[in-house]
Amino acid sequence: RLTLAPGVTIEEELSKYEPEMMSYSYRITAVDVKVLPVTNYSSTLEVSPAPGGKAKLEWSGAFYRGYPNNDPPPELNDEAAIKAVSGLYKAGLEALKKKIESGS
């Protein structure tokens, strides 16, 4: 369960875990499209070595907009889905960066 704010949650399920590849995949099993305007969301996070003894994290996902039929309302169209997922990724990566830099 991912808690975005009090009372605002996303249910996720681990679908693949490959520690030797430093990779895992998950999918969203329950979310209100008012919270995240997407359906059929799945994602993968992969860590790989980077120059200078650093690491590179790649977070990729696939999803459909929140309204699967023709003529979606603006809050459930392709642009809304892309903007919401991009914001989720940005916030997640910023939180991870902060945690790493704080050493905790």
PDB file of N, CA and C in Angstrom:
ATOM      1  N   ARG A   1       0.847  -1.173   0.000  1.00  0.00           N
ATOM      2  CA  ARG A   1       0.000   0.000   0.000  1.00  0.00           C
ATOM      3  C   ARG A   1       0.890   1.233   0.000  1.00  0.00           C
ATOM      4  N   LEU A   2       0.654   2.086  -0.953  1.00  0.00           N
ATOM      5  CA  LEU A   2       1.369   3.349  -1.062  1.00  0.00           C
ATOM      6  C   LEU A   2       0.422   4.438  -0.587  1.00  0.00           C
ATOM      7  N   THR A   3       0.825   5.165   0.436  1.00  0.00           N
ATOM      8  CA  THR A   3       0.000   6.250   0.973  1.00  0.00           C
ATOM      9  C   THR A   3       0.535   7.573   0.448  1.00  0.00           C
ATOM     10  N   LEU A   4      -0.263   8.254  -0.344  1.00  0.00           N
ATOM     11  CA  LEU A   4       0.131   9.541  -0.909  1.00  0.00           C
ATOM     12  C   LEU A   4      -0.194  10.689   0.032  1.00  0.00           C
ATOM     13  N   ALA A   5      -1.265  10.538   0.769  1.00  0.00           N
ATOM     14  CA  ALA A   5      -1.728  11.530   1.745  1.00  0.00           C
ATOM     15  C   ALA A   5      -2.717  10.792   2.646  1.00  0.00           C
ATOM     16  N   PRO A   6      -3.056  11.373   3.773  1.00  0.00           N
ATOM     17  CA  PRO A   6      -4.035  10.687   4.635  1.00  0.00           C
ATOM     18  C   PRO A   6      -5.309  10.342   3.862  1.00  0.00           C
ATOM     19  N   GLY A   7      -5.647   9.059   3.840  1.00  0.00           N
ATOM     20  CA  GLY A   7      -6.846   8.611   3.156  1.00  0.00           C
ATOM     21  C   GLY A   7      -6.702   8.428   1.653  1.00  0.00           C
ATOM     22  N   VAL A   8      -5.514   8.700   1.119  1.00  0.00           N
ATOM     23  CA  VAL A   8      -5.274   8.582  -0.313  1.00  0.00           C
ATOM     24  C   VAL A   8      -4.228   7.482  -0.524  1.00  0.00           C
ATOM     25  N   THR A   9      -4.683   6.322  -0.990  1.00  0.00           N
ATOM     26  CA  THR A   9      -3.778   5.189  -1.129  1.00  0.00           C
ATOM     27  C   THR A   9      -3.860   4.557  -2.511  1.00  0.00           C
ATOM     28  N   ILE A  10      -2.800   3.818  -2.826  1.00  0.00           N
ATOM     29  CA  ILE A  10      -2.716   3.025  -4.044  1.00  0.00           C
ATOM     30  C   ILE A  10      -2.299   1.629  -3.606  1.00  0.00           C
ATOM     31  N   GLU A  11      -3.019   0.622  -4.052  1.00  0.00           N
ATOM     32  CA  GLU A  11      -2.667  -0.762  -3.739  1.00  0.00           C
ATOM     33  C   GLU A  11      -1.784  -1.298  -4.861  1.00  0.00           C
ATOM     34  N   GLU A  12      -0.628  -1.829  -4.482  1.00  0.00           N
ATOM     35  CA  GLU A  12       0.315  -2.365  -5.456  1.00  0.00           C
ATOM     36  C   GLU A  12       0.642  -3.816  -5.119  1.00  0.00           C
ATOM     37  N   GLU A  13       1.114  -4.538  -6.130  1.00  0.00           N
ATOM     38  CA  GLU A  13       1.475  -5.944  -5.955  1.00  0.00           C
ATOM     39  C   GLU A  13       2.790  -6.209  -6.685  1.00  0.00           C
ATOM     40  N   LEU A  14       3.734  -6.833  -5.989  1.00  0.00           N
ATOM     41  CA  LEU A  14       4.994  -7.217  -6.599  1.00  0.00           C
ATOM     42  C   LEU A  14       4.712  -8.313  -7.618  1.00  0.00           C
ATOM     43  N   SER A  15       5.170  -8.132  -8.848  1.00  0.00           N
ATOM     44  CA  SER A  15       4.917  -9.137  -9.870  1.00  0.00           C
ATOM     45  C   SER A  15       6.179  -9.879 -10.306  1.00  0.00           C
ATOM     46  N   LYS A  16       7.337  -9.279 -10.066  1.00  0.00           N
ATOM     47  CA  LYS A  16       8.591  -9.945 -10.437  1.00  0.00           C
ATOM     48  C   LYS A  16       9.715  -9.336  -9.610  1.00  0.00           C
ATOM     49  N   TYR A  17      10.571 -10.187  -9.063  1.00  0.00           N
ATOM     50  CA  TYR A  17      11.698  -9.737  -8.255  1.00  0.00           C
ATOM     51  C   TYR A  17      12.933 -10.503  -8.694  1.00  0.00           C
ATOM     52  N   GLU A  18      13.949  -9.786  -9.167  1.00  0.00           N
ATOM     53  CA  GLU A  18      15.190 -10.397  -9.640  1.00  0.00           C
ATOM     54  C   GLU A  18      16.377  -9.711  -8.967  1.00  0.00           C
ATOM     55  N   PRO A  19      16.725 -10.147  -7.746  1.00  0.00           N
ATOM     56  CA  PRO A  19      17.815  -9.481  -7.030  1.00  0.00           C
ATOM     57  C   PRO A  19      19.150  -9.528  -7.777  1.00  0.00           C
ATOM     58  N   GLU A  20      19.411 -10.629  -8.485  1.00  0.00           N
ATOM     59  CA  GLU A  20      20.671 -10.739  -9.228  1.00  0.00           C
ATOM     60  C   GLU A  20      20.743  -9.722 -10.369  1.00  0.00           C
ATOM     61  N   MET A  21      19.594  -9.275 -10.851  1.00  0.00           N
ATOM     62  CA  MET A  21      19.525  -8.267 -11.915  1.00  0.00           C
ATOM     63  C   MET A  21      19.267  -6.870 -11.345  1.00  0.00           C
ATOM     64  N   MET A  22      19.147  -6.776 -10.014  1.00  0.00           N
ATOM     65  CA  MET A  22      18.822  -5.524  -9.323  1.00  0.00           C
ATOM     66  C   MET A  22      17.577  -4.889  -9.954  1.00  0.00           C
ATOM     67  N   SER A  23      16.529  -5.696 -10.024  1.00  0.00           N
ATOM     68  CA  SER A  23      15.315  -5.283 -10.709  1.00  0.00           C
ATOM     69  C   SER A  23      14.084  -5.858 -10.026  1.00  0.00           C
ATOM     70  N   TYR A  24      13.012  -5.077 -10.049  1.00  0.00           N
ATOM     71  CA  TYR A  24      11.714  -5.616  -9.658  1.00  0.00           C
ATOM     72  C   TYR A  24      10.615  -4.926 -10.435  1.00  0.00           C
ATOM     73  N   SER A  25       9.503  -5.615 -10.561  1.00  0.00           N
ATOM     74  CA  SER A  25       8.338  -5.087 -11.276  1.00  0.00           C
ATOM     75  C   SER A  25       7.128  -5.191 -10.359  1.00  0.00           C
ATOM     76  N   TYR A  26       6.205  -4.265 -10.534  1.00  0.00           N
ATOM     77  CA  TYR A  26       4.975  -4.280  -9.748  1.00  0.00           C
ATOM     78  C   TYR A  26       3.839  -3.767 -10.605  1.00  0.00           C
ATOM     79  N   ARG A  27       2.630  -3.975 -10.108  1.00  0.00           N
ATOM     80  CA  ARG A  27       1.454  -3.443 -10.796  1.00  0.00           C
ATOM     81  C   ARG A  27       0.501  -2.872  -9.752  1.00  0.00           C
ATOM     82  N   ILE A  28      -0.278  -1.933 -10.182  1.00  0.00           N
ATOM     83  CA  ILE A  28      -1.306  -1.359  -9.318  1.00  0.00           C
ATOM     84  C   ILE A  28      -2.533  -2.257  -9.410  1.00  0.00           C
ATOM     85  N   THR A  29      -3.021  -2.661  -8.258  1.00  0.00           N
ATOM     86  CA  THR A  29      -4.199  -3.523  -8.225  1.00  0.00           C
ATOM     87  C   THR A  29      -5.463  -2.761  -7.860  1.00  0.00           C
ATOM     88  N   ALA A  30      -5.317  -1.615  -7.204  1.00  0.00           N
ATOM     89  CA  ALA A  30      -6.491  -0.812  -6.840  1.00  0.00           C
ATOM     90  C   ALA A  30      -6.089   0.647  -6.654  1.00  0.00           C
ATOM     91  N   VAL A  31      -6.754   1.517  -7.391  1.00  0.00           N
ATOM     92  CA  VAL A  31      -6.565   2.955  -7.243  1.00  0.00           C
ATOM     93  C   VAL A  31      -7.801   3.659  -7.791  1.00  0.00           C
ATOM     94  N   ASP A  32      -8.187   4.714  -7.141  1.00  0.00           N
ATOM     95  CA  ASP A  32      -9.284   5.550  -7.612  1.00  0.00           C
ATOM     96  C   ASP A  32      -8.738   6.430  -8.738  1.00  0.00           C
ATOM     97  N   VAL A  33      -9.385   6.444  -9.900  1.00  0.00           N
ATOM     98  CA  VAL A  33      -8.887   7.252 -11.022  1.00  0.00           C
ATOM     99  C   VAL A  33      -8.876   8.741 -10.692  1.00  0.00           C
ATOM    100  N   LYS A  34      -9.556   9.151  -9.634  1.00  0.00           N
ATOM    101  CA  LYS A  34      -9.474  10.550  -9.195  1.00  0.00           C
ATOM    102  C   LYS A  34      -8.130  10.814  -8.526  1.00  0.00           C
ATOM    103  N   VAL A  35      -7.502   9.774  -7.994  1.00  0.00           N
ATOM    104  CA  VAL A  35      -6.195   9.884  -7.355  1.00  0.00           C
ATOM    105  C   VAL A  35      -5.085   9.773  -8.392  1.00  0.00           C
ATOM    106  N   LEU A  36      -5.159   8.752  -9.226  1.00  0.00           N
ATOM    107  CA  LEU A  36      -4.188   8.517 -10.294  1.00  0.00           C
ATOM    108  C   LEU A  36      -4.997   8.090 -11.521  1.00  0.00           C
ATOM    109  N   PRO A  37      -5.133   8.966 -12.513  1.00  0.00           N
ATOM    110  CA  PRO A  37      -6.043   8.707 -13.642  1.00  0.00           C
ATOM    111  C   PRO A  37      -5.502   7.711 -14.662  1.00  0.00           C
ATOM    112  N   VAL A  38      -5.231   6.487 -14.200  1.00  0.00           N
ATOM    113  CA  VAL A  38      -4.714   5.433 -15.072  1.00  0.00           C
ATOM    114  C   VAL A  38      -5.413   4.111 -14.789  1.00  0.00           C
ATOM    115  N   THR A  39      -5.324   3.203 -15.745  1.00  0.00           N
ATOM    116  CA  THR A  39      -5.780   1.828 -15.572  1.00  0.00           C
ATOM    117  C   THR A  39      -4.678   0.917 -16.099  1.00  0.00           C
ATOM    118  N   ASN A  40      -4.717  -0.336 -15.689  1.00  0.00           N
ATOM    119  CA  ASN A  40      -3.760  -1.351 -16.156  1.00  0.00           C
ATOM    120  C   ASN A  40      -2.314  -0.878 -16.053  1.00  0.00           C
ATOM    121  N   TYR A  41      -1.941  -0.342 -14.916  1.00  0.00           N
ATOM    122  CA  TYR A  41      -0.606   0.194 -14.684  1.00  0.00           C
ATOM    123  C   TYR A  41       0.347  -0.904 -14.233  1.00  0.00           C
ATOM    124  N   SER A  42       1.524  -0.956 -14.841  1.00  0.00           N
ATOM    125  CA  SER A  42       2.611  -1.822 -14.376  1.00  0.00           C
ATOM    126  C   SER A  42       3.913  -1.047 -14.539  1.00  0.00           C
ATOM    127  N   SER A  43       4.902  -1.414 -13.720  1.00  0.00           N
ATOM    128  CA  SER A  43       6.136  -0.658 -13.723  1.00  0.00           C
ATOM    129  C   SER A  43       7.313  -1.543 -13.341  1.00  0.00           C
ATOM    130  N   THR A  44       8.501  -1.136 -13.761  1.00  0.00           N
ATOM    131  CA  THR A  44       9.737  -1.843 -13.433  1.00  0.00           C
ATOM    132  C   THR A  44      10.789  -0.835 -12.997  1.00  0.00           C
ATOM    133  N   LEU A  45      11.522  -1.203 -11.944  1.00  0.00           N
ATOM    134  CA  LEU A  45      12.666  -0.423 -11.488  1.00  0.00           C
ATOM    135  C   LEU A  45      13.901  -1.289 -11.642  1.00  0.00           C
ATOM    136  N   GLU A  46      14.948  -0.714 -12.263  1.00  0.00           N
ATOM    137  CA  GLU A  46      16.197  -1.435 -12.485  1.00  0.00           C
ATOM    138  C   GLU A  46      17.370  -0.549 -12.092  1.00  0.00           C
ATOM    139  N   VAL A  47      18.316  -1.126 -11.367  1.00  0.00           N
ATOM    140  CA  VAL A  47      19.530  -0.423 -10.983  1.00  0.00           C
ATOM    141  C   VAL A  47      20.680  -1.016 -11.784  1.00  0.00           C
ATOM    142  N   SER A  48      21.538  -0.135 -12.308  1.00  0.00           N
ATOM    143  CA  SER A  48      22.711  -0.597 -13.042  1.00  0.00           C
ATOM    144  C   SER A  48      23.904   0.268 -12.653  1.00  0.00           C
ATOM    145  N   PRO A  49      25.119  -0.269 -12.823  1.00  0.00           N
ATOM    146  CA  PRO A  49      26.317   0.513 -12.498  1.00  0.00           C
ATOM    147  C   PRO A  49      26.439   1.727 -13.410  1.00  0.00           C
ATOM    148  N   ALA A  50      27.003   2.785 -12.861  1.00  0.00           N
ATOM    149  CA  ALA A  50      27.264   4.004 -13.625  1.00  0.00           C
ATOM    150  C   ALA A  50      28.718   4.408 -13.368  1.00  0.00           C
ATOM    151  N   PRO A  51      29.289   5.217 -14.242  1.00  0.00           N
ATOM    152  CA  PRO A  51      30.690   5.642 -14.067  1.00  0.00           C
ATOM    153  C   PRO A  51      30.929   6.280 -12.693  1.00  0.00           C
ATOM    154  N   GLY A  52      32.147   6.144 -12.211  1.00  0.00           N
ATOM    155  CA  GLY A  52      32.529   6.776 -10.948  1.00  0.00           C
ATOM    156  C   GLY A  52      32.026   6.046  -9.722  1.00  0.00           C
ATOM    157  N   GLY A  53      31.720   4.757  -9.869  1.00  0.00           N
ATOM    158  CA  GLY A  53      31.240   3.994  -8.717  1.00  0.00           C
ATOM    159  C   GLY A  53      29.827   4.354  -8.312  1.00  0.00           C
ATOM    160  N   LYS A  54      29.108   4.973  -9.180  1.00  0.00           N
ATOM    161  CA  LYS A  54      27.736   5.370  -8.901  1.00  0.00           C
ATOM    162  C   LYS A  54      26.764   4.337  -9.450  1.00  0.00           C
ATOM    163  N   ALA A  55      25.497   4.589  -9.248  1.00  0.00           N
ATOM    164  CA  ALA A  55      24.455   3.699  -9.758  1.00  0.00           C
ATOM    165  C   ALA A  55      23.424   4.513 -10.522  1.00  0.00           C
ATOM    166  N   LYS A  56      22.804   3.862 -11.480  1.00  0.00           N
ATOM    167  CA  LYS A  56      21.745   4.487 -12.285  1.00  0.00           C
ATOM    168  C   LYS A  56      20.454   3.726 -12.021  1.00  0.00           C
ATOM    169  N   LEU A  57      19.389   4.460 -11.740  1.00  0.00           N
ATOM    170  CA  LEU A  57      18.074   3.858 -11.535  1.00  0.00           C
ATOM    171  C   LEU A  57      17.192   4.205 -12.724  1.00  0.00           C
ATOM    172  N   GLU A  58      16.601   3.184 -13.319  1.00  0.00           N
ATOM    173  CA  GLU A  58      15.655   3.400 -14.404  1.00  0.00           C
ATOM    174  C   GLU A  58      14.290   2.911 -13.948  1.00  0.00           C
ATOM    175  N   TRP A  59      13.293   3.783 -14.031  1.00  0.00           N
ATOM    176  CA  TRP A  59      11.935   3.468 -13.609  1.00  0.00           C
ATOM    177  C   TRP A  59      11.059   3.644 -14.834  1.00  0.00           C
ATOM    178  N   SER A  60      10.508   2.560 -15.325  1.00  0.00           N
ATOM    179  CA  SER A  60       9.666   2.624 -16.515  1.00  0.00           C
ATOM    180  C   SER A  60       8.301   2.028 -16.216  1.00  0.00           C
ATOM    181  N   GLY A  61       7.315   2.491 -16.929  1.00  0.00           N
ATOM    182  CA  GLY A  61       5.967   2.003 -16.688  1.00  0.00           C
ATOM    183  C   GLY A  61       5.133   1.966 -17.953  1.00  0.00           C
ATOM    184  N   ALA A  62       4.052   1.234 -17.859  1.00  0.00           N
ATOM    185  CA  ALA A  62       3.078   1.159 -18.948  1.00  0.00           C
ATOM    186  C   ALA A  62       1.692   1.273 -18.314  1.00  0.00           C
ATOM    187  N   PHE A  63       0.810   1.965 -18.994  1.00  0.00           N
ATOM    188  CA  PHE A  63      -0.524   2.174 -18.446  1.00  0.00           C
ATOM    189  C   PHE A  63      -1.449   2.693 -19.533  1.00  0.00           C
ATOM    190  N   TYR A  64      -2.725   2.637 -19.235  1.00  0.00           N
ATOM    191  CA  TYR A  64      -3.746   3.248 -20.072  1.00  0.00           C
ATOM    192  C   TYR A  64      -4.335   4.425 -19.317  1.00  0.00           C
ATOM    193  N   ARG A  65      -4.916   5.333 -20.045  1.00  0.00           N
ATOM    194  CA  ARG A  65      -5.569   6.473 -19.402  1.00  0.00           C
ATOM    195  C   ARG A  65      -6.710   5.992 -18.512  1.00  0.00           C
ATOM    196  N   GLY A  66      -7.179   6.867 -17.648  1.00  0.00           N
ATOM    197  CA  GLY A  66      -8.215   6.510 -16.685  1.00  0.00           C
ATOM    198  C   GLY A  66      -9.576   6.228 -17.290  1.00  0.00           C
ATOM    199  N   TYR A  67      -9.836   6.739 -18.469  1.00  0.00           N
ATOM    200  CA  TYR A  67     -11.111   6.508 -19.157  1.00  0.00           C
ATOM    201  C   TYR A  67     -10.806   5.749 -20.438  1.00  0.00           C
ATOM    202  N   PRO A  68     -11.086   4.445 -20.479  1.00  0.00           N
ATOM    203  CA  PRO A  68     -10.641   3.626 -21.607  1.00  0.00           C
ATOM    204  C   PRO A  68     -11.432   3.805 -22.908  1.00  0.00           C
ATOM    205  N   ASN A  69     -12.600   4.407 -22.856  1.00  0.00           N
ATOM    206  CA  ASN A  69     -13.427   4.548 -24.056  1.00  0.00           C
ATOM    207  C   ASN A  69     -13.063   5.812 -24.838  1.00  0.00           C
ATOM    208  N   ASN A  70     -13.702   5.999 -25.971  1.00  0.00           N
ATOM    209  CA  ASN A  70     -13.485   7.203 -26.768  1.00  0.00           C
ATOM    210  C   ASN A  70     -13.987   8.440 -26.046  1.00  0.00           C
ATOM    211  N   ASP A  71     -13.433   9.577 -26.415  1.00  0.00           N
ATOM    212  CA  ASP A  71     -13.847  10.879 -25.894  1.00  0.00           C
ATOM    213  C   ASP A  71     -13.782  10.967 -24.372  1.00  0.00           C
ATOM    214  N   PRO A  72     -12.604  10.747 -23.778  1.00  0.00           N
ATOM    215  CA  PRO A  72     -12.490  10.827 -22.322  1.00  0.00           C
ATOM    216  C   PRO A  72     -12.644  12.267 -21.835  1.00  0.00           C
ATOM    217  N   PRO A  73     -13.128  12.430 -20.611  1.00  0.00           N
ATOM    218  CA  PRO A  73     -13.151  13.775 -20.040  1.00  0.00           C
ATOM    219  C   PRO A  73     -11.706  14.226 -19.817  1.00  0.00           C
ATOM    220  N   PRO A  74     -11.449  15.517 -19.757  1.00  0.00           N
ATOM    221  CA  PRO A  74     -10.068  16.023 -19.652  1.00  0.00           C
ATOM    222  C   PRO A  74      -9.287  15.444 -18.468  1.00  0.00           C
ATOM    223  N   GLU A  75      -9.943  15.219 -17.352  1.00  0.00           N
ATOM    224  CA  GLU A  75      -9.234  14.727 -16.168  1.00  0.00           C
ATOM    225  C   GLU A  75      -8.878  13.241 -16.246  1.00  0.00           C
ATOM    226  N   LEU A  76      -9.354  12.550 -17.306  1.00  0.00           N
ATOM    227  CA  LEU A  76      -9.065  11.122 -17.465  1.00  0.00           C
ATOM    228  C   LEU A  76      -8.484  10.794 -18.844  1.00  0.00           C
ATOM    229  N   ASN A  77      -7.967  11.819 -19.547  1.00  0.00           N
ATOM    230  CA  ASN A  77      -7.434  11.588 -20.888  1.00  0.00           C
ATOM    231  C   ASN A  77      -5.951  11.205 -20.843  1.00  0.00           C
ATOM    232  N   ASP A  78      -5.350  11.005 -22.017  1.00  0.00           N
ATOM    233  CA  ASP A  78      -3.941  10.601 -22.107  1.00  0.00           C
ATOM    234  C   ASP A  78      -3.021  11.598 -21.409  1.00  0.00           C
ATOM    235  N   GLU A  79      -3.234  12.878 -21.657  1.00  0.00           N
ATOM    236  CA  GLU A  79      -2.371  13.903 -21.080  1.00  0.00           C
ATOM    237  C   GLU A  79      -2.440  13.890 -19.553  1.00  0.00           C
ATOM    238  N   ALA A  80      -3.638  13.719 -19.002  1.00  0.00           N
ATOM    239  CA  ALA A  80      -3.793  13.674 -17.550  1.00  0.00           C
ATOM    240  C   ALA A  80      -3.079  12.463 -16.961  1.00  0.00           C
ATOM    241  N   ALA A  81      -3.155  11.331 -17.652  1.00  0.00           N
ATOM    242  CA  ALA A  81      -2.489  10.114 -17.177  1.00  0.00           C
ATOM    243  C   ALA A  81      -0.975  10.294 -17.188  1.00  0.00           C
ATOM    244  N   ILE A  82      -0.441  10.810 -18.278  1.00  0.00           N
ATOM    245  CA  ILE A  82       1.008  11.011 -18.394  1.00  0.00           C
ATOM    246  C   ILE A  82       1.497  12.008 -17.346  1.00  0.00           C
ATOM    247  N   LYS A  83       0.770  13.092 -17.163  1.00  0.00           N
ATOM    248  CA  LYS A  83       1.156  14.102 -16.173  1.00  0.00           C
ATOM    249  C   LYS A  83       1.144  13.509 -14.763  1.00  0.00           C
ATOM    250  N   ALA A  84       0.132  12.743 -14.437  1.00  0.00           N
ATOM    251  CA  ALA A  84       0.024  12.152 -13.094  1.00  0.00           C
ATOM    252  C   ALA A  84       1.138  11.155 -12.826  1.00  0.00           C
ATOM    253  N   VAL A  85       1.408  10.270 -13.778  1.00  0.00           N
ATOM    254  CA  VAL A  85       2.463   9.271 -13.592  1.00  0.00           C
ATOM    255  C   VAL A  85       3.828   9.956 -13.541  1.00  0.00           C
ATOM    256  N   SER A  86       4.057  10.943 -14.374  1.00  0.00           N
ATOM    257  CA  SER A  86       5.319  11.688 -14.335  1.00  0.00           C
ATOM    258  C   SER A  86       5.514  12.344 -12.974  1.00  0.00           C
ATOM    259  N   GLY A  87       4.448  12.919 -12.430  1.00  0.00           N
ATOM    260  CA  GLY A  87       4.522  13.529 -11.103  1.00  0.00           C
ATOM    261  C   GLY A  87       4.805  12.509 -10.023  1.00  0.00           C
ATOM    262  N   LEU A  88       4.185  11.340 -10.130  1.00  0.00           N
ATOM    263  CA  LEU A  88       4.414  10.265  -9.168  1.00  0.00           C
ATOM    264  C   LEU A  88       5.876   9.816  -9.225  1.00  0.00           C
ATOM    265  N   TYR A  89       6.410   9.627 -10.429  1.00  0.00           N
ATOM    266  CA  TYR A  89       7.807   9.218 -10.586  1.00  0.00           C
ATOM    267  C   TYR A  89       8.743  10.293 -10.030  1.00  0.00           C
ATOM    268  N   LYS A  90       8.479  11.533 -10.357  1.00  0.00           N
ATOM    269  CA  LYS A  90       9.342  12.619  -9.894  1.00  0.00           C
ATOM    270  C   LYS A  90       9.363  12.680  -8.372  1.00  0.00           C
ATOM    271  N   ALA A  91       8.195  12.611  -7.750  1.00  0.00           N
ATOM    272  CA  ALA A  91       8.132  12.655  -6.284  1.00  0.00           C
ATOM    273  C   ALA A  91       8.839  11.447  -5.671  1.00  0.00           C
ATOM    274  N   GLY A  92       8.651  10.272  -6.264  1.00  0.00           N
ATOM    275  CA  GLY A  92       9.302   9.066  -5.757  1.00  0.00           C
ATOM    276  C   GLY A  92      10.810   9.135  -5.879  1.00  0.00           C
ATOM    277  N   LEU A  93      11.309   9.610  -7.007  1.00  0.00           N
ATOM    278  CA  LEU A  93      12.750   9.720  -7.206  1.00  0.00           C
ATOM    279  C   LEU A  93      13.362  10.791  -6.310  1.00  0.00           C
ATOM    280  N   GLU A  94      12.654  11.898  -6.121  1.00  0.00           N
ATOM    281  CA  GLU A  94      13.150  12.940  -5.216  1.00  0.00           C
ATOM    282  C   GLU A  94      13.217  12.432  -3.780  1.00  0.00           C
ATOM    283  N   ALA A  95      12.221  11.671  -3.355  1.00  0.00           N
ATOM    284  CA  ALA A  95      12.221  11.106  -2.002  1.00  0.00           C
ATOM    285  C   ALA A  95      13.361  10.112  -1.836  1.00  0.00           C
ATOM    286  N   LEU A  96      13.602   9.295  -2.850  1.00  0.00           N
ATOM    287  CA  LEU A  96      14.698   8.332  -2.800  1.00  0.00           C
ATOM    288  C   LEU A  96      16.045   9.053  -2.742  1.00  0.00           C
ATOM    289  N   LYS A  97      16.214  10.077  -3.549  1.00  0.00           N
ATOM    290  CA  LYS A  97      17.460  10.863  -3.555  1.00  0.00           C
ATOM    291  C   LYS A  97      17.702  11.465  -2.172  1.00  0.00           C
ATOM    292  N   LYS A  98      16.669  12.039  -1.586  1.00  0.00           N
ATOM    293  CA  LYS A  98      16.786  12.654  -0.263  1.00  0.00           C
ATOM    294  C   LYS A  98      17.184  11.601   0.772  1.00  0.00           C
ATOM    295  N   LYS A  99      16.578  10.439   0.703  1.00  0.00           N
ATOM    296  CA  LYS A  99      16.887   9.363   1.654  1.00  0.00           C
ATOM    297  C   LYS A  99      18.339   8.912   1.498  1.00  0.00           C
ATOM    298  N   ILE A 100      18.797   8.749   0.268  1.00  0.00           N
ATOM    299  CA  ILE A 100      20.169   8.319   0.023  1.00  0.00           C
ATOM    300  C   ILE A 100      21.150   9.367   0.507  1.00  0.00           C
ATOM    301  N   GLU A 101      20.880  10.627   0.185  1.00  0.00           N
ATOM    302  CA  GLU A 101      21.795  11.704   0.571  1.00  0.00           C
ATOM    303  C   GLU A 101      21.847  11.918   2.082  1.00  0.00           C
ATOM    304  N   SER A 102      20.769  11.583   2.782  1.00  0.00           N
ATOM    305  CA  SER A 102      20.748  11.741   4.240  1.00  0.00           C
ATOM    306  C   SER A 102      21.460  10.575   4.942  1.00  0.00           C
ATOM    307  N   GLY A 103      21.716   9.509   4.164  1.00  0.00           N
ATOM    308  CA  GLY A 103      22.411   8.359   4.720  1.00  0.00           C
ATOM    309  C   GLY A 103      21.539   7.437   5.556  1.00  0.00           C
ATOM    310  N   SER A 104      20.217   7.632   5.499  1.00  0.00           N
ATOM    311  CA  SER A 104      19.335   6.749   6.297  1.00  0.00           C
ATOM    312  C   SER A 104      18.641   5.729   5.449  1.00  0.00           C
TER     313      SER A 104
END
